[in-house]
Protein backbone atom coordinates (compact mmCIF):
# COMPACT_ATOMS: atom_id res chain seq x y z
CA UNK A 1 17.32 -19.80 0.59
CA UNK A 2 19.77 -20.70 3.33
CA UNK A 3 18.42 -20.85 6.88
CA UNK A 4 20.93 -20.34 9.66
CA UNK A 5 21.27 -18.97 13.16
CA UNK A 6 21.98 -15.26 13.30
CA UNK A 7 25.61 -14.66 14.25
CA UNK A 8 25.42 -11.28 15.97
CA UNK A 9 29.19 -11.00 16.20
CA UNK A 10 29.48 -11.26 12.41
CA UNK A 11 27.28 -8.20 11.84
CA UNK A 12 28.89 -4.95 10.77
CA UNK A 13 27.78 -2.36 13.33
CA UNK A 14 28.62 1.31 12.87
CA UNK A 15 30.98 3.24 15.16
CA UNK A 16 28.11 3.70 17.65
CA UNK A 17 27.40 0.00 17.77
CA UNK A 18 24.21 0.27 15.71
CA UNK A 19 22.86 -1.44 12.61
CA UNK A 20 19.83 -0.29 10.56
CA UNK A 21 16.80 -2.58 10.56
CA UNK A 22 14.18 -2.38 7.82
CA UNK A 23 10.86 -3.63 9.19
CA UNK A 24 8.49 -5.20 6.66
CA UNK A 25 4.93 -6.54 6.91
CA UNK A 26 5.34 -10.27 6.36
CA UNK A 27 1.84 -10.56 4.90
CA UNK A 28 1.80 -7.72 2.39
CA UNK A 29 5.49 -6.96 1.86
CA UNK A 30 4.90 -3.31 2.77
CA UNK A 31 7.85 -1.54 4.41
CA UNK A 32 6.64 -0.35 7.81
CA UNK A 33 9.58 1.50 9.33
CA UNK A 34 13.32 1.93 9.59
CA UNK A 35 14.89 1.69 13.03
CA UNK A 36 18.24 0.83 14.59
CA UNK A 37 19.39 -2.11 16.65
CA UNK A 38 22.41 -2.84 18.78
CA UNK A 39 23.57 -6.22 20.03
CA UNK A 40 21.37 -6.10 23.11
CA UNK A 41 18.20 -5.18 21.21
CA UNK A 42 18.85 -7.97 18.70
CA UNK A 43 19.26 -10.45 21.54
CA UNK A 44 16.01 -9.29 23.15
CA UNK A 45 14.24 -9.51 19.78
CA UNK A 46 15.40 -13.10 19.34
CA UNK A 47 14.49 -13.91 22.94
CA UNK A 48 10.97 -12.41 22.96
CA UNK A 49 10.05 -12.77 19.28
CA UNK A 50 8.99 -9.10 19.34
CA UNK A 51 10.91 -6.18 17.87
CA UNK A 52 13.28 -4.28 20.13
CA UNK A 53 15.24 -1.30 18.90
CA UNK A 54 17.74 1.26 20.14
CA UNK A 55 16.55 4.85 20.33
CA UNK A 56 19.29 7.19 19.16
CA UNK A 57 17.53 10.23 20.65
CA UNK A 58 16.82 8.71 24.09
CA UNK A 59 19.86 6.45 23.99
CA UNK A 60 17.97 3.47 25.36
CA UNK A 61 16.31 0.25 24.26
CA UNK A 62 12.63 0.29 23.37
CA UNK A 63 10.14 -2.45 22.70
CA UNK A 64 7.87 -1.56 19.78
CA UNK A 65 4.28 -1.36 21.02
CA UNK A 66 5.13 -1.64 24.73
CA UNK A 67 2.94 1.38 25.52
CA UNK A 68 0.63 1.55 22.49
CA UNK A 69 -0.04 -2.16 22.15
CA UNK A 70 1.04 -2.02 18.49
CA UNK A 71 3.57 -4.80 18.84
CA UNK A 72 5.32 -6.60 16.01
CA UNK A 73 5.66 -10.38 16.07
CA UNK A 74 8.85 -11.38 14.29
CA UNK A 75 8.51 -13.99 11.56
CA UNK A 76 12.05 -13.92 10.20
CA UNK A 77 15.23 -11.88 10.19
CA UNK A 78 17.52 -11.66 7.19
CA UNK A 79 20.88 -9.98 6.80
CA UNK A 80 22.12 -8.35 3.62
CA UNK A 81 25.22 -9.40 1.70
CA UNK A 82 27.44 -6.86 3.48
CA UNK A 83 26.18 -7.88 6.91
CA UNK A 84 25.43 -4.24 7.71
CA UNK A 85 21.62 -4.10 7.37
CA UNK A 86 18.84 -6.27 8.78
CA UNK A 87 15.47 -7.06 7.23
CA UNK A 88 12.95 -7.86 9.95
CA UNK A 89 9.70 -9.34 8.65
CA UNK A 90 6.86 -9.09 11.14
CA UNK A 91 3.19 -9.55 11.77
CA UNK A 92 2.09 -6.12 13.04
CA UNK A 93 -0.66 -5.87 15.65
CA UNK A 94 -1.46 -2.28 14.82
CA UNK A 95 0.00 0.78 13.08
CA UNK A 96 3.77 1.02 12.87
CA UNK A 97 3.92 4.81 12.85
CA UNK A 98 3.47 7.01 15.94
CA UNK A 99 1.07 9.14 13.87
CA UNK A 100 -1.36 6.23 13.69
CA UNK A 101 -0.55 5.45 10.06
CA UNK A 102 0.01 1.82 9.12
CA UNK A 103 3.51 2.58 7.88
CA UNK A 104 5.97 5.38 8.56
CA UNK A 105 6.35 5.72 4.78
CA UNK A 106 2.89 7.17 4.13
CA UNK A 107 4.11 10.29 2.30
CA UNK A 108 4.64 9.52 -1.39
CA UNK A 109 6.87 12.05 -3.15
CA UNK A 110 7.14 10.31 -6.53
CA UNK A 111 4.86 7.71 -8.07
CA UNK A 112 4.91 6.56 -11.67
CA UNK A 113 1.73 4.53 -11.12
CA UNK A 114 -0.22 3.28 -8.14
CA UNK A 115 1.15 0.08 -6.64
CA UNK A 116 -1.05 -3.01 -6.99
CA UNK A 117 0.92 -5.08 -4.49
CA UNK A 118 -1.56 -4.76 -1.63
CA UNK A 119 -4.87 -4.71 -3.53
CA UNK A 120 -5.80 -8.33 -2.72
CA UNK A 121 -5.18 -7.74 0.98
CA UNK A 122 -7.21 -4.53 0.81
CA UNK A 123 -10.13 -6.50 -0.65
CA UNK A 124 -9.73 -9.20 2.02
CA UNK A 125 -9.79 -6.58 4.78
CA UNK A 126 -12.80 -4.82 3.28
CA UNK A 127 -14.71 -8.10 3.04
CA UNK A 128 -13.95 -8.78 6.72
CA UNK A 129 -15.08 -5.27 7.64
CA UNK A 130 -18.37 -5.68 5.76
CA UNK A 131 -19.01 -8.89 7.68
CA UNK A 132 -18.31 -7.21 11.01
CA UNK A 133 -19.99 -3.92 10.08
CA UNK A 134 -22.80 -4.53 7.54
CA UNK A 135 -23.73 -1.59 5.30
CA UNK A 136 -27.10 -1.27 3.59
CA UNK A 137 -26.71 -1.34 -0.18
CA UNK A 138 -23.32 -3.04 -0.03
CA UNK A 139 -23.02 -6.03 -2.39
CA UNK A 140 -20.68 -7.78 0.06
CA UNK A 141 -23.20 -7.31 2.86
CA UNK A 142 -25.87 -8.73 0.54
CA UNK A 143 -23.78 -11.85 -0.07
CA UNK A 144 -23.24 -12.42 3.64
CA UNK A 145 -26.96 -12.00 4.26
CA UNK A 146 -27.82 -14.50 1.52
CA UNK A 147 -25.38 -17.06 2.86
CA UNK A 148 -22.96 -19.64 1.51
CA UNK A 149 -25.29 -21.15 -1.10
CA UNK A 150 -25.57 -17.80 -2.90
CA UNK A 151 -21.80 -17.34 -2.78
CA UNK A 152 -21.20 -20.84 -4.12
CA UNK A 153 -23.59 -20.14 -6.97
CA UNK A 154 -21.68 -16.96 -7.83
CA UNK A 155 -18.34 -18.78 -7.72
CA UNK A 156 -19.73 -21.33 -10.18
CA UNK A 157 -21.16 -18.65 -12.46
CA UNK A 158 -17.96 -16.64 -12.49
CA UNK A 159 -15.88 -19.76 -13.22
CA UNK A 160 -18.05 -20.38 -16.29
CA UNK A 161 -17.65 -16.75 -17.35
CA UNK A 162 -13.88 -17.13 -17.16
CA UNK A 163 -14.07 -20.15 -19.47
CA UNK A 164 -16.26 -18.25 -21.95
CA UNK A 165 -13.91 -15.27 -21.94
CA UNK A 166 -10.94 -17.54 -22.50
CA UNK A 167 -12.66 -19.26 -25.42
CA UNK A 168 -13.29 -15.82 -26.92
CA UNK A 169 -9.59 -15.01 -26.48
CA UNK A 170 -10.69 -11.67 -25.00
CA UNK A 171 -8.01 -10.49 -22.54
CA UNK A 172 -10.12 -7.68 -21.07
CA UNK A 173 -13.11 -9.96 -20.59
CA UNK A 174 -10.98 -12.66 -19.00
CA UNK A 175 -9.34 -10.13 -16.67
CA UNK A 176 -12.72 -8.85 -15.52
CA UNK A 177 -14.17 -12.30 -15.03
CA UNK A 178 -11.13 -13.56 -13.12
CA UNK A 179 -11.39 -10.48 -10.89
CA UNK A 180 -15.04 -11.38 -10.21
CA UNK A 181 -14.07 -14.98 -9.51
CA UNK A 182 -11.29 -13.94 -7.13
CA UNK A 183 -13.61 -11.57 -5.26
CA UNK A 184 -16.36 -14.17 -4.76
CA UNK A 185 -13.76 -16.78 -3.81
CA UNK A 186 -12.38 -14.42 -1.15
CA UNK A 187 -15.90 -13.97 0.24
CA UNK A 188 -16.27 -17.77 0.33
CA UNK A 189 -12.92 -18.08 2.09
CA UNK A 190 -14.08 -15.61 4.72
CA UNK A 191 -17.26 -17.59 5.34
CA UNK A 192 -15.29 -20.82 5.70
CA UNK A 193 -12.53 -19.16 7.78
CA UNK A 194 -9.89 -19.99 5.18
CA UNK A 195 -7.02 -17.50 5.24
CA UNK A 196 -4.96 -16.61 2.20
CA UNK A 197 -1.92 -17.90 4.05
CA UNK A 198 -3.60 -21.33 4.19
CA UNK A 199 -3.69 -21.39 0.39
CA UNK A 200 -0.16 -20.01 0.13
CA UNK A 201 1.10 -22.75 2.44
CA UNK A 202 -0.45 -25.44 0.24
CA UNK A 203 1.18 -23.89 -2.84
CA UNK A 204 4.53 -23.73 -1.05
CA UNK A 205 4.28 -27.39 -0.04
CA UNK A 206 3.50 -28.38 -3.62
CA UNK A 207 6.62 -26.73 -4.98
CA UNK A 208 9.61 -29.00 -5.50
CA UNK A 209 12.30 -28.61 -2.87
CA UNK A 210 15.40 -26.82 -4.09
CA UNK A 211 18.56 -28.72 -3.49
CA UNK A 212 21.42 -26.73 -2.01
CA UNK A 213 24.54 -27.30 -4.15
CA UNK A 214 27.37 -28.97 -2.27
CA UNK A 215 30.97 -27.91 -2.57
CA UNK A 216 32.99 -30.87 -3.73
C-alpha cells in the first residue's frame, strides 16, 4: 500500500466540479453512505479531520453531524485507479443516515445469504450493552456478576474443549468450541478494557513489512 499526500488537482471531478465519496466504517468495513465532494469540501475535510460534503440540492457545503452530533472522524482517504472516486474511511459517532439508521444502505433488495462480516462487532457491542444494562437471566450479565475469575475459568475450559474437538477431527465440534472460546475471550477483553483494535494492532506489527519495488 502506497501512502501519499492527496493531490486534489489530480482528481477527476465531473462537469459540476464534484466527485463521489463512498464513506465506510473503518472498524467494520460497512458502507455508510455515498455523498459528493468538491475541492473546498475536500480541503475542509483534510483540515478538520471530519467529513465535509457538497449538497447538490442546497448547493452548499455541509459538515456531517454539525447539527445532529453524528460526526465522522476521518481515518484515511483513498482514491480509485481512475482518480474519479474517493473512499473515505471513518469512525462514526452515531448513525450515518438521516432516518436514524446506522447506514443509508439499510434496505436490502437481494441477498444470497446473510453477511457474517459484522457478527464479531455485533457480539462485542452486545457484551458492552449487557455490562452497561444488566438483564436478569442473561448469561453475559451472569458472567459480569461473577467476575473475572469465573471468566478466566471459562476461557480455560473452552480452550481445552477446542483441543479435544481438534483431536477428534470434528469440524462442527471445533467450530462450536472456538465460537465459545471467542465469546468468553471477548467478555474478558471487555473486563480488562482491551479493544479488538489493540489485538489487531499487535497482529499488524508482527507482520513482515512489505518492500516497495524500486524502478531501476
